[in-house]
Amino acid sequence: MSKYAMFGKLTAHPGKRDELANRMLESSETLNGMEGCIHYILHADEDHPDDLWVTELWESEEAHAASLKNEKVLEVIGRCRPLIAGVTPIKVRPLGGKGFGGTA
């Protein structure tokens, strides 16, 4: 199986980025122990005050899809949704590097 990665751009409603980030970070323990999740990192965009970026690396696309059916993940999404004005997913194909830990 191939690793699965994506970047996600989350645009918060004006002035709500910090609140969105805090909700996401408070809920980050949801992904601890999530089967197939290698890393999930939240970043603040320094040039755009309403934008957050997420980088994700999963053991497989199936593991990522399964996470979106997880009851705890769905609860976090529901709590964050009112603060989100837009989402832009960007699928990428990981090639390797430090921390990659396997074949693409």
PDB file of N, CA and C in Angstrom:
ATOM      1  N   MET A   1       0.824  -1.187   0.000  1.00  0.00           N
ATOM      2  CA  MET A   1       0.000   0.000   0.000  1.00  0.00           C
ATOM      3  C   MET A   1       0.871   1.254   0.000  1.00  0.00           C
ATOM      4  N   SER A   2       0.371   2.300  -0.587  1.00  0.00           N
ATOM      5  CA  SER A   2       1.076   3.575  -0.643  1.00  0.00           C
ATOM      6  C   SER A   2       0.658   4.464   0.506  1.00  0.00           C
ATOM      7  N   LYS A   3       1.604   5.280   0.963  1.00  0.00           N
ATOM      8  CA  LYS A   3       1.266   6.305   1.946  1.00  0.00           C
ATOM      9  C   LYS A   3       0.306   7.296   1.287  1.00  0.00           C
ATOM     10  N   TYR A   4      -0.470   7.985   2.105  1.00  0.00           N
ATOM     11  CA  TYR A   4      -1.432   8.961   1.608  1.00  0.00           C
ATOM     12  C   TYR A   4      -1.175  10.268   2.341  1.00  0.00           C
ATOM     13  N   ALA A   5      -1.084  11.353   1.591  1.00  0.00           N
ATOM     14  CA  ALA A   5      -0.818  12.654   2.192  1.00  0.00           C
ATOM     15  C   ALA A   5      -1.711  13.711   1.576  1.00  0.00           C
ATOM     16  N   MET A   6      -1.963  14.732   2.350  1.00  0.00           N
ATOM     17  CA  MET A   6      -2.662  15.895   1.816  1.00  0.00           C
ATOM     18  C   MET A   6      -2.365  17.120   2.664  1.00  0.00           C
ATOM     19  N   PHE A   7      -2.544  18.247   2.031  1.00  0.00           N
ATOM     20  CA  PHE A   7      -2.505  19.531   2.716  1.00  0.00           C
ATOM     21  C   PHE A   7      -3.942  20.027   2.705  1.00  0.00           C
ATOM     22  N   GLY A   8      -4.324  20.705   3.729  1.00  0.00           N
ATOM     23  CA  GLY A   8      -5.656  21.288   3.756  1.00  0.00           C
ATOM     24  C   GLY A   8      -5.570  22.733   4.179  1.00  0.00           C
ATOM     25  N   LYS A   9      -6.214  23.583   3.403  1.00  0.00           N
ATOM     26  CA  LYS A   9      -6.287  24.997   3.766  1.00  0.00           C
ATOM     27  C   LYS A   9      -7.674  25.231   4.349  1.00  0.00           C
ATOM     28  N   LEU A  10      -7.709  25.705   5.575  1.00  0.00           N
ATOM     29  CA  LEU A  10      -8.968  26.045   6.230  1.00  0.00           C
ATOM     30  C   LEU A  10      -9.019  27.557   6.365  1.00  0.00           C
ATOM     31  N   THR A  11     -10.047  28.160   5.828  1.00  0.00           N
ATOM     32  CA  THR A  11     -10.231  29.601   5.973  1.00  0.00           C
ATOM     33  C   THR A  11     -11.334  29.814   6.991  1.00  0.00           C
ATOM     34  N   ALA A  12     -10.981  30.472   8.077  1.00  0.00           N
ATOM     35  CA  ALA A  12     -11.950  30.762   9.134  1.00  0.00           C
ATOM     36  C   ALA A  12     -12.753  31.998   8.747  1.00  0.00           C
ATOM     37  N   HIS A  13     -13.921  32.121   9.336  1.00  0.00           N
ATOM     38  CA  HIS A  13     -14.662  33.372   9.197  1.00  0.00           C
ATOM     39  C   HIS A  13     -13.791  34.478   9.781  1.00  0.00           C
ATOM     40  N   PRO A  14     -13.893  35.697   9.255  1.00  0.00           N
ATOM     41  CA  PRO A  14     -13.008  36.784   9.699  1.00  0.00           C
ATOM     42  C   PRO A  14     -12.936  36.894  11.228  1.00  0.00           C
ATOM     43  N   GLY A  15     -11.697  36.915  11.717  1.00  0.00           N
ATOM     44  CA  GLY A  15     -11.463  37.065  13.140  1.00  0.00           C
ATOM     45  C   GLY A  15     -11.644  35.794  13.970  1.00  0.00           C
ATOM     46  N   LYS A  16     -11.930  34.672  13.331  1.00  0.00           N
ATOM     47  CA  LYS A  16     -12.217  33.430  14.058  1.00  0.00           C
ATOM     48  C   LYS A  16     -11.103  32.385  13.965  1.00  0.00           C
ATOM     49  N   ARG A  17      -9.988  32.739  13.329  1.00  0.00           N
ATOM     50  CA  ARG A  17      -8.931  31.742  13.133  1.00  0.00           C
ATOM     51  C   ARG A  17      -8.400  31.191  14.455  1.00  0.00           C
ATOM     52  N   ASP A  18      -8.128  32.061  15.422  1.00  0.00           N
ATOM     53  CA  ASP A  18      -7.563  31.580  16.683  1.00  0.00           C
ATOM     54  C   ASP A  18      -8.540  30.663  17.408  1.00  0.00           C
ATOM     55  N   GLU A  19      -9.808  31.016  17.370  1.00  0.00           N
ATOM     56  CA  GLU A  19     -10.817  30.165  18.004  1.00  0.00           C
ATOM     57  C   GLU A  19     -10.887  28.803  17.310  1.00  0.00           C
ATOM     58  N   LEU A  20     -10.844  28.816  15.979  1.00  0.00           N
ATOM     59  CA  LEU A  20     -10.845  27.563  15.229  1.00  0.00           C
ATOM     60  C   LEU A  20      -9.605  26.739  15.564  1.00  0.00           C
ATOM     61  N   ALA A  21      -8.450  27.377  15.571  1.00  0.00           N
ATOM     62  CA  ALA A  21      -7.208  26.668  15.889  1.00  0.00           C
ATOM     63  C   ALA A  21      -7.274  26.061  17.286  1.00  0.00           C
ATOM     64  N   ASN A  22      -7.767  26.827  18.246  1.00  0.00           N
ATOM     65  CA  ASN A  22      -7.860  26.319  19.618  1.00  0.00           C
ATOM     66  C   ASN A  22      -8.787  25.112  19.698  1.00  0.00           C
ATOM     67  N   ARG A  23      -9.908  25.158  19.008  1.00  0.00           N
ATOM     68  CA  ARG A  23     -10.820  24.001  19.010  1.00  0.00           C
ATOM     69  C   ARG A  23     -10.152  22.782  18.395  1.00  0.00           C
ATOM     70  N   MET A  24      -9.435  23.015  17.308  1.00  0.00           N
ATOM     71  CA  MET A  24      -8.767  21.897  16.651  1.00  0.00           C
ATOM     72  C   MET A  24      -7.652  21.330  17.529  1.00  0.00           C
ATOM     73  N   LEU A  25      -6.879  22.210  18.166  1.00  0.00           N
ATOM     74  CA  LEU A  25      -5.782  21.755  19.000  1.00  0.00           C
ATOM     75  C   LEU A  25      -6.282  21.078  20.276  1.00  0.00           C
ATOM     76  N   GLU A  26      -7.362  21.591  20.854  1.00  0.00           N
ATOM     77  CA  GLU A  26      -7.944  20.955  22.034  1.00  0.00           C
ATOM     78  C   GLU A  26      -8.414  19.545  21.703  1.00  0.00           C
ATOM     79  N   SER A  27      -8.783  19.340  20.471  1.00  0.00           N
ATOM     80  CA  SER A  27      -9.303  18.045  20.051  1.00  0.00           C
ATOM     81  C   SER A  27      -8.234  17.169  19.418  1.00  0.00           C
ATOM     82  N   SER A  28      -6.974  17.636  19.425  1.00  0.00           N
ATOM     83  CA  SER A  28      -5.926  16.882  18.738  1.00  0.00           C
ATOM     84  C   SER A  28      -5.695  15.506  19.357  1.00  0.00           C
ATOM     85  N   GLU A  29      -6.057  15.326  20.631  1.00  0.00           N
ATOM     86  CA  GLU A  29      -5.902  14.008  21.231  1.00  0.00           C
ATOM     87  C   GLU A  29      -6.787  12.975  20.539  1.00  0.00           C
ATOM     88  N   THR A  30      -7.789  13.435  19.797  1.00  0.00           N
ATOM     89  CA  THR A  30      -8.644  12.525  19.032  1.00  0.00           C
ATOM     90  C   THR A  30      -7.807  11.707  18.055  1.00  0.00           C
ATOM     91  N   LEU A  31      -6.772  12.327  17.473  1.00  0.00           N
ATOM     92  CA  LEU A  31      -5.946  11.626  16.498  1.00  0.00           C
ATOM     93  C   LEU A  31      -4.825  10.813  17.146  1.00  0.00           C
ATOM     94  N   ASN A  32      -4.558  11.057  18.430  1.00  0.00           N
ATOM     95  CA  ASN A  32      -3.563  10.229  19.114  1.00  0.00           C
ATOM     96  C   ASN A  32      -4.067   8.797  19.137  1.00  0.00           C
ATOM     97  N   GLY A  33      -3.257   7.910  18.655  1.00  0.00           N
ATOM     98  CA  GLY A  33      -3.661   6.506  18.619  1.00  0.00           C
ATOM     99  C   GLY A  33      -4.575   6.159  17.456  1.00  0.00           C
ATOM    100  N   MET A  34      -4.888   7.136  16.592  1.00  0.00           N
ATOM    101  CA  MET A  34      -5.744   6.852  15.436  1.00  0.00           C
ATOM    102  C   MET A  34      -4.979   5.935  14.492  1.00  0.00           C
ATOM    103  N   GLU A  35      -5.543   4.806  14.244  1.00  0.00           N
ATOM    104  CA  GLU A  35      -4.884   3.818  13.396  1.00  0.00           C
ATOM    105  C   GLU A  35      -4.597   4.398  12.016  1.00  0.00           C
ATOM    106  N   GLY A  36      -3.342   4.282  11.611  1.00  0.00           N
ATOM    107  CA  GLY A  36      -2.935   4.706  10.276  1.00  0.00           C
ATOM    108  C   GLY A  36      -2.484   6.145  10.164  1.00  0.00           C
ATOM    109  N   CYS A  37      -2.665   6.966  11.218  1.00  0.00           N
ATOM    110  CA  CYS A  37      -2.253   8.371  11.166  1.00  0.00           C
ATOM    111  C   CYS A  37      -0.795   8.478  11.593  1.00  0.00           C
ATOM    112  N   ILE A  38       0.053   8.912  10.661  1.00  0.00           N
ATOM    113  CA  ILE A  38       1.475   9.084  10.946  1.00  0.00           C
ATOM    114  C   ILE A  38       1.724  10.475  11.506  1.00  0.00           C
ATOM    115  N   HIS A  39       1.176  11.497  10.837  1.00  0.00           N
ATOM    116  CA  HIS A  39       1.212  12.835  11.414  1.00  0.00           C
ATOM    117  C   HIS A  39       0.071  13.686  10.899  1.00  0.00           C
ATOM    118  N   TYR A  40      -0.316  14.629  11.747  1.00  0.00           N
ATOM    119  CA  TYR A  40      -1.382  15.586  11.460  1.00  0.00           C
ATOM    120  C   TYR A  40      -0.970  16.856  12.191  1.00  0.00           C
ATOM    121  N   ILE A  41      -0.566  17.865  11.428  1.00  0.00           N
ATOM    122  CA  ILE A  41       0.001  19.069  12.028  1.00  0.00           C
ATOM    123  C   ILE A  41      -0.785  20.295  11.553  1.00  0.00           C
ATOM    124  N   LEU A  42      -1.136  21.153  12.506  1.00  0.00           N
ATOM    125  CA  LEU A  42      -1.872  22.382  12.228  1.00  0.00           C
ATOM    126  C   LEU A  42      -0.893  23.553  12.193  1.00  0.00           C
ATOM    127  N   HIS A  43      -1.032  24.418  11.186  1.00  0.00           N
ATOM    128  CA  HIS A  43      -0.141  25.567  10.997  1.00  0.00           C
ATOM    129  C   HIS A  43      -0.977  26.834  10.821  1.00  0.00           C
ATOM    130  N   ALA A  44      -0.501  27.955  11.359  1.00  0.00           N
ATOM    131  CA  ALA A  44      -1.116  29.257  11.110  1.00  0.00           C
ATOM    132  C   ALA A  44      -0.401  29.896   9.925  1.00  0.00           C
ATOM    133  N   ASP A  45      -1.170  30.418   8.986  1.00  0.00           N
ATOM    134  CA  ASP A  45      -0.610  31.111   7.818  1.00  0.00           C
ATOM    135  C   ASP A  45      -0.191  32.504   8.265  1.00  0.00           C
ATOM    136  N   GLU A  46       1.086  32.807   8.165  1.00  0.00           N
ATOM    137  CA  GLU A  46       1.594  34.094   8.642  1.00  0.00           C
ATOM    138  C   GLU A  46       1.228  35.259   7.726  1.00  0.00           C
ATOM    139  N   ASP A  47       0.843  34.982   6.495  1.00  0.00           N
ATOM    140  CA  ASP A  47       0.512  36.058   5.555  1.00  0.00           C
ATOM    141  C   ASP A  47      -0.991  36.288   5.394  1.00  0.00           C
ATOM    142  N   HIS A  48      -1.803  35.349   5.858  1.00  0.00           N
ATOM    143  CA  HIS A  48      -3.255  35.457   5.703  1.00  0.00           C
ATOM    144  C   HIS A  48      -3.907  35.179   7.058  1.00  0.00           C
ATOM    145  N   PRO A  49      -4.422  36.217   7.717  1.00  0.00           N
ATOM    146  CA  PRO A  49      -4.841  36.104   9.111  1.00  0.00           C
ATOM    147  C   PRO A  49      -6.051  35.204   9.374  1.00  0.00           C
ATOM    148  N   ASP A  50      -6.746  34.758   8.353  1.00  0.00           N
ATOM    149  CA  ASP A  50      -7.897  33.884   8.571  1.00  0.00           C
ATOM    150  C   ASP A  50      -7.610  32.437   8.172  1.00  0.00           C
ATOM    151  N   ASP A  51      -6.384  32.152   7.703  1.00  0.00           N
ATOM    152  CA  ASP A  51      -6.093  30.828   7.160  1.00  0.00           C
ATOM    153  C   ASP A  51      -5.253  29.956   8.093  1.00  0.00           C
ATOM    154  N   LEU A  52      -5.618  28.682   8.113  1.00  0.00           N
ATOM    155  CA  LEU A  52      -4.849  27.624   8.766  1.00  0.00           C
ATOM    156  C   LEU A  52      -4.502  26.598   7.703  1.00  0.00           C
ATOM    157  N   TRP A  53      -3.401  25.918   7.895  1.00  0.00           N
ATOM    158  CA  TRP A  53      -3.008  24.820   7.013  1.00  0.00           C
ATOM    159  C   TRP A  53      -2.843  23.559   7.852  1.00  0.00           C
ATOM    160  N   VAL A  54      -3.254  22.444   7.305  1.00  0.00           N
ATOM    161  CA  VAL A  54      -3.075  21.148   7.949  1.00  0.00           C
ATOM    162  C   VAL A  54      -2.227  20.293   7.023  1.00  0.00           C
ATOM    163  N   THR A  55      -1.224  19.630   7.583  1.00  0.00           N
ATOM    164  CA  THR A  55      -0.479  18.627   6.817  1.00  0.00           C
ATOM    165  C   THR A  55      -0.786  17.268   7.439  1.00  0.00           C
ATOM    166  N   GLU A  56      -1.097  16.322   6.570  1.00  0.00           N
ATOM    167  CA  GLU A  56      -1.474  14.988   7.017  1.00  0.00           C
ATOM    168  C   GLU A  56      -0.656  13.937   6.282  1.00  0.00           C
ATOM    169  N   LEU A  57      -0.243  12.907   7.008  1.00  0.00           N
ATOM    170  CA  LEU A  57       0.387  11.742   6.402  1.00  0.00           C
ATOM    171  C   LEU A  57      -0.239  10.513   7.039  1.00  0.00           C
ATOM    172  N   TRP A  58      -0.750   9.628   6.198  1.00  0.00           N
ATOM    173  CA  TRP A  58      -1.455   8.423   6.622  1.00  0.00           C
ATOM    174  C   TRP A  58      -0.792   7.205   5.996  1.00  0.00           C
ATOM    175  N   GLU A  59      -0.947   6.069   6.630  1.00  0.00           N
ATOM    176  CA  GLU A  59      -0.422   4.810   6.098  1.00  0.00           C
ATOM    177  C   GLU A  59      -1.038   4.490   4.736  1.00  0.00           C
ATOM    178  N   SER A  60      -2.312   4.900   4.541  1.00  0.00           N
ATOM    179  CA  SER A  60      -2.995   4.614   3.276  1.00  0.00           C
ATOM    180  C   SER A  60      -4.192   5.551   3.127  1.00  0.00           C
ATOM    181  N   GLU A  61      -4.701   5.626   1.914  1.00  0.00           N
ATOM    182  CA  GLU A  61      -5.906   6.422   1.672  1.00  0.00           C
ATOM    183  C   GLU A  61      -7.087   5.832   2.434  1.00  0.00           C
ATOM    184  N   GLU A  62      -7.106   4.515   2.574  1.00  0.00           N
ATOM    185  CA  GLU A  62      -8.188   3.846   3.297  1.00  0.00           C
ATOM    186  C   GLU A  62      -8.186   4.235   4.784  1.00  0.00           C
ATOM    187  N   ALA A  63      -6.994   4.365   5.365  1.00  0.00           N
ATOM    188  CA  ALA A  63      -6.896   4.777   6.768  1.00  0.00           C
ATOM    189  C   ALA A  63      -7.441   6.189   6.943  1.00  0.00           C
ATOM    190  N   HIS A  64      -7.136   7.069   5.996  1.00  0.00           N
ATOM    191  CA  HIS A  64      -7.674   8.433   6.051  1.00  0.00           C
ATOM    192  C   HIS A  64      -9.190   8.413   5.933  1.00  0.00           C
ATOM    193  N   ALA A  65      -9.709   7.654   4.990  1.00  0.00           N
ATOM    194  CA  ALA A  65     -11.165   7.571   4.796  1.00  0.00           C
ATOM    195  C   ALA A  65     -11.847   7.021   6.052  1.00  0.00           C
ATOM    196  N   ALA A  66     -11.237   6.042   6.693  1.00  0.00           N
ATOM    197  CA  ALA A  66     -11.814   5.464   7.911  1.00  0.00           C
ATOM    198  C   ALA A  66     -11.862   6.497   9.033  1.00  0.00           C
ATOM    199  N   SER A  67     -10.861   7.369   9.093  1.00  0.00           N
ATOM    200  CA  SER A  67     -10.839   8.381  10.155  1.00  0.00           C
ATOM    201  C   SER A  67     -12.038   9.318  10.041  1.00  0.00           C
ATOM    202  N   LEU A  68     -12.481   9.561   8.825  1.00  0.00           N
ATOM    203  CA  LEU A  68     -13.605  10.470   8.609  1.00  0.00           C
ATOM    204  C   LEU A  68     -14.945   9.850   8.980  1.00  0.00           C
ATOM    205  N   LYS A  69     -14.932   8.585   9.351  1.00  0.00           N
ATOM    206  CA  LYS A  69     -16.141   7.902   9.821  1.00  0.00           C
ATOM    207  C   LYS A  69     -16.104   7.702  11.332  1.00  0.00           C
ATOM    208  N   ASN A  70     -14.976   8.061  11.954  1.00  0.00           N
ATOM    209  CA  ASN A  70     -14.794   7.905  13.389  1.00  0.00           C
ATOM    210  C   ASN A  70     -15.704   8.886  14.133  1.00  0.00           C
ATOM    211  N   GLU A  71     -16.418   8.383  15.133  1.00  0.00           N
ATOM    212  CA  GLU A  71     -17.378   9.203  15.882  1.00  0.00           C
ATOM    213  C   GLU A  71     -16.731  10.427  16.524  1.00  0.00           C
ATOM    214  N   LYS A  72     -15.544  10.268  17.102  1.00  0.00           N
ATOM    215  CA  LYS A  72     -14.860  11.395  17.745  1.00  0.00           C
ATOM    216  C   LYS A  72     -14.418  12.433  16.722  1.00  0.00           C
ATOM    217  N   VAL A  73     -13.940  11.974  15.570  1.00  0.00           N
ATOM    218  CA  VAL A  73     -13.524  12.903  14.509  1.00  0.00           C
ATOM    219  C   VAL A  73     -14.739  13.672  13.993  1.00  0.00           C
ATOM    220  N   LEU A  74     -15.847  12.997  13.814  1.00  0.00           N
ATOM    221  CA  LEU A  74     -17.067  13.664  13.350  1.00  0.00           C
ATOM    222  C   LEU A  74     -17.545  14.713  14.351  1.00  0.00           C
ATOM    223  N   GLU A  75     -17.360  14.449  15.648  1.00  0.00           N
ATOM    224  CA  GLU A  75     -17.748  15.410  16.676  1.00  0.00           C
ATOM    225  C   GLU A  75     -16.874  16.663  16.588  1.00  0.00           C
ATOM    226  N   VAL A  76     -15.556  16.478  16.383  1.00  0.00           N
ATOM    227  CA  VAL A  76     -14.644  17.615  16.243  1.00  0.00           C
ATOM    228  C   VAL A  76     -15.021  18.437  15.010  1.00  0.00           C
ATOM    229  N   ILE A  77     -15.272  17.764  13.908  1.00  0.00           N
ATOM    230  CA  ILE A  77     -15.668  18.466  12.682  1.00  0.00           C
ATOM    231  C   ILE A  77     -16.930  19.285  12.928  1.00  0.00           C
ATOM    232  N   GLY A  78     -17.894  18.701  13.623  1.00  0.00           N
ATOM    233  CA  GLY A  78     -19.141  19.409  13.923  1.00  0.00           C
ATOM    234  C   GLY A  78     -18.928  20.648  14.781  1.00  0.00           C
ATOM    235  N   ARG A  79     -18.000  20.562  15.739  1.00  0.00           N
ATOM    236  CA  ARG A  79     -17.709  21.709  16.608  1.00  0.00           C
ATOM    237  C   ARG A  79     -16.975  22.816  15.858  1.00  0.00           C
ATOM    238  N   CYS A  80     -16.175  22.441  14.873  1.00  0.00           N
ATOM    239  CA  CYS A  80     -15.364  23.419  14.137  1.00  0.00           C
ATOM    240  C   CYS A  80     -16.106  24.025  12.943  1.00  0.00           C
ATOM    241  N   ARG A  81     -17.017  23.287  12.375  1.00  0.00           N
ATOM    242  CA  ARG A  81     -17.692  23.710  11.138  1.00  0.00           C
ATOM    243  C   ARG A  81     -18.248  25.136  11.175  1.00  0.00           C
ATOM    244  N   PRO A  82     -18.898  25.589  12.273  1.00  0.00           N
ATOM    245  CA  PRO A  82     -19.448  26.950  12.265  1.00  0.00           C
ATOM    246  C   PRO A  82     -18.400  28.055  12.127  1.00  0.00           C
ATOM    247  N   LEU A  83     -17.140  27.746  12.411  1.00  0.00           N
ATOM    248  CA  LEU A  83     -16.072  28.741  12.332  1.00  0.00           C
ATOM    249  C   LEU A  83     -15.377  28.754  10.971  1.00  0.00           C
ATOM    250  N   ILE A  84     -15.697  27.791  10.115  1.00  0.00           N
ATOM    251  CA  ILE A  84     -14.993  27.622   8.849  1.00  0.00           C
ATOM    252  C   ILE A  84     -15.780  28.248   7.698  1.00  0.00           C
ATOM    253  N   ALA A  85     -15.114  29.149   6.979  1.00  0.00           N
ATOM    254  CA  ALA A  85     -15.723  29.780   5.806  1.00  0.00           C
ATOM    255  C   ALA A  85     -15.414  29.004   4.530  1.00  0.00           C
ATOM    256  N   GLY A  86     -14.294  28.270   4.512  1.00  0.00           N
ATOM    257  CA  GLY A  86     -13.932  27.522   3.316  1.00  0.00           C
ATOM    258  C   GLY A  86     -12.852  26.502   3.596  1.00  0.00           C
ATOM    259  N   VAL A  87     -12.848  25.446   2.772  1.00  0.00           N
ATOM    260  CA  VAL A  87     -11.858  24.379   2.878  1.00  0.00           C
ATOM    261  C   VAL A  87     -11.318  24.095   1.483  1.00  0.00           C
ATOM    262  N   THR A  88      -9.990  24.016   1.372  1.00  0.00           N
ATOM    263  CA  THR A  88      -9.355  23.657   0.111  1.00  0.00           C
ATOM    264  C   THR A  88      -8.427  22.474   0.357  1.00  0.00           C
ATOM    265  N   PRO A  89      -8.852  21.251  -0.023  1.00  0.00           N
ATOM    266  CA  PRO A  89      -7.956  20.106   0.120  1.00  0.00           C
ATOM    267  C   PRO A  89      -6.995  20.035  -1.063  1.00  0.00           C
ATOM    268  N   ILE A  90      -5.748  19.689  -0.780  1.00  0.00           N
ATOM    269  CA  ILE A  90      -4.742  19.555  -1.830  1.00  0.00           C
ATOM    270  C   ILE A  90      -4.106  18.181  -1.665  1.00  0.00           C
ATOM    271  N   LYS A  91      -4.402  17.274  -2.587  1.00  0.00           N
ATOM    272  CA  LYS A  91      -3.825  15.934  -2.529  1.00  0.00           C
ATOM    273  C   LYS A  91      -2.427  15.970  -3.117  1.00  0.00           C
ATOM    274  N   VAL A  92      -1.511  15.329  -2.428  1.00  0.00           N
ATOM    275  CA  VAL A  92      -0.127  15.244  -2.874  1.00  0.00           C
ATOM    276  C   VAL A  92       0.322  13.793  -2.769  1.00  0.00           C
ATOM    277  N   ARG A  93       1.380  13.449  -3.496  1.00  0.00           N
ATOM    278  CA  ARG A  93       1.938  12.098  -3.434  1.00  0.00           C
ATOM    279  C   ARG A  93       3.285  12.171  -2.740  1.00  0.00           C
ATOM    280  N   PRO A  94       3.383  11.610  -1.532  1.00  0.00           N
ATOM    281  CA  PRO A  94       4.655  11.681  -0.814  1.00  0.00           C
ATOM    282  C   PRO A  94       5.718  10.844  -1.498  1.00  0.00           C
ATOM    283  N   LEU A  95       6.927  11.404  -1.583  1.00  0.00           N
ATOM    284  CA  LEU A  95       8.042  10.718  -2.243  1.00  0.00           C
ATOM    285  C   LEU A  95       9.061  10.197  -1.244  1.00  0.00           C
ATOM    286  N   GLY A  96       9.175  10.824  -0.083  1.00  0.00           N
ATOM    287  CA  GLY A  96      10.139  10.383   0.923  1.00  0.00           C
ATOM    288  C   GLY A  96      10.718  11.568   1.653  1.00  0.00           C
ATOM    289  N   GLY A  97      11.632  11.284   2.562  1.00  0.00           N
ATOM    290  CA  GLY A  97      12.270  12.318   3.350  1.00  0.00           C
ATOM    291  C   GLY A  97      12.305  11.928   4.808  1.00  0.00           C
ATOM    292  N   LYS A  98      12.880  12.805   5.622  1.00  0.00           N
ATOM    293  CA  LYS A  98      13.021  12.531   7.051  1.00  0.00           C
ATOM    294  C   LYS A  98      11.631  12.354   7.686  1.00  0.00           C
ATOM    295  N   GLY A  99      11.467  11.285   8.421  1.00  0.00           N
ATOM    296  CA  GLY A  99      10.195  11.017   9.083  1.00  0.00           C
ATOM    297  C   GLY A  99       9.198  10.281   8.222  1.00  0.00           C
ATOM    298  N   PHE A 100       9.529  10.052   6.984  1.00  0.00           N
ATOM    299  CA  PHE A 100       8.591   9.381   6.076  1.00  0.00           C
ATOM    300  C   PHE A 100       8.394   7.927   6.456  1.00  0.00           C
ATOM    301  N   GLY A 101       9.477   7.220   6.694  1.00  0.00           N
ATOM    302  CA  GLY A 101       9.407   5.872   7.221  1.00  0.00           C
ATOM    303  C   GLY A 101       8.868   4.805   6.308  1.00  0.00           C
ATOM    304  N   GLY A 102       9.022   4.900   5.025  1.00  0.00           N
ATOM    305  CA  GLY A 102       8.568   3.799   4.170  1.00  0.00           C
ATOM    306  C   GLY A 102       8.542   4.172   2.711  1.00  0.00           C
ATOM    307  N   THR A 103       8.063   3.234   1.923  1.00  0.00           N
ATOM    308  CA  THR A 103       8.002   3.464   0.482  1.00  0.00           C
ATOM    309  C   THR A 103       6.737   4.213   0.132  1.00  0.00           C
ATOM    310  N   ALA A 104       6.813   5.012  -0.917  1.00  0.00           N
ATOM    311  CA  ALA A 104       5.663   5.763  -1.392  1.00  0.00           C
ATOM    312  C   ALA A 104       4.759   4.811  -2.109  1.00  0.00           C
TER     313      ALA A 104
END
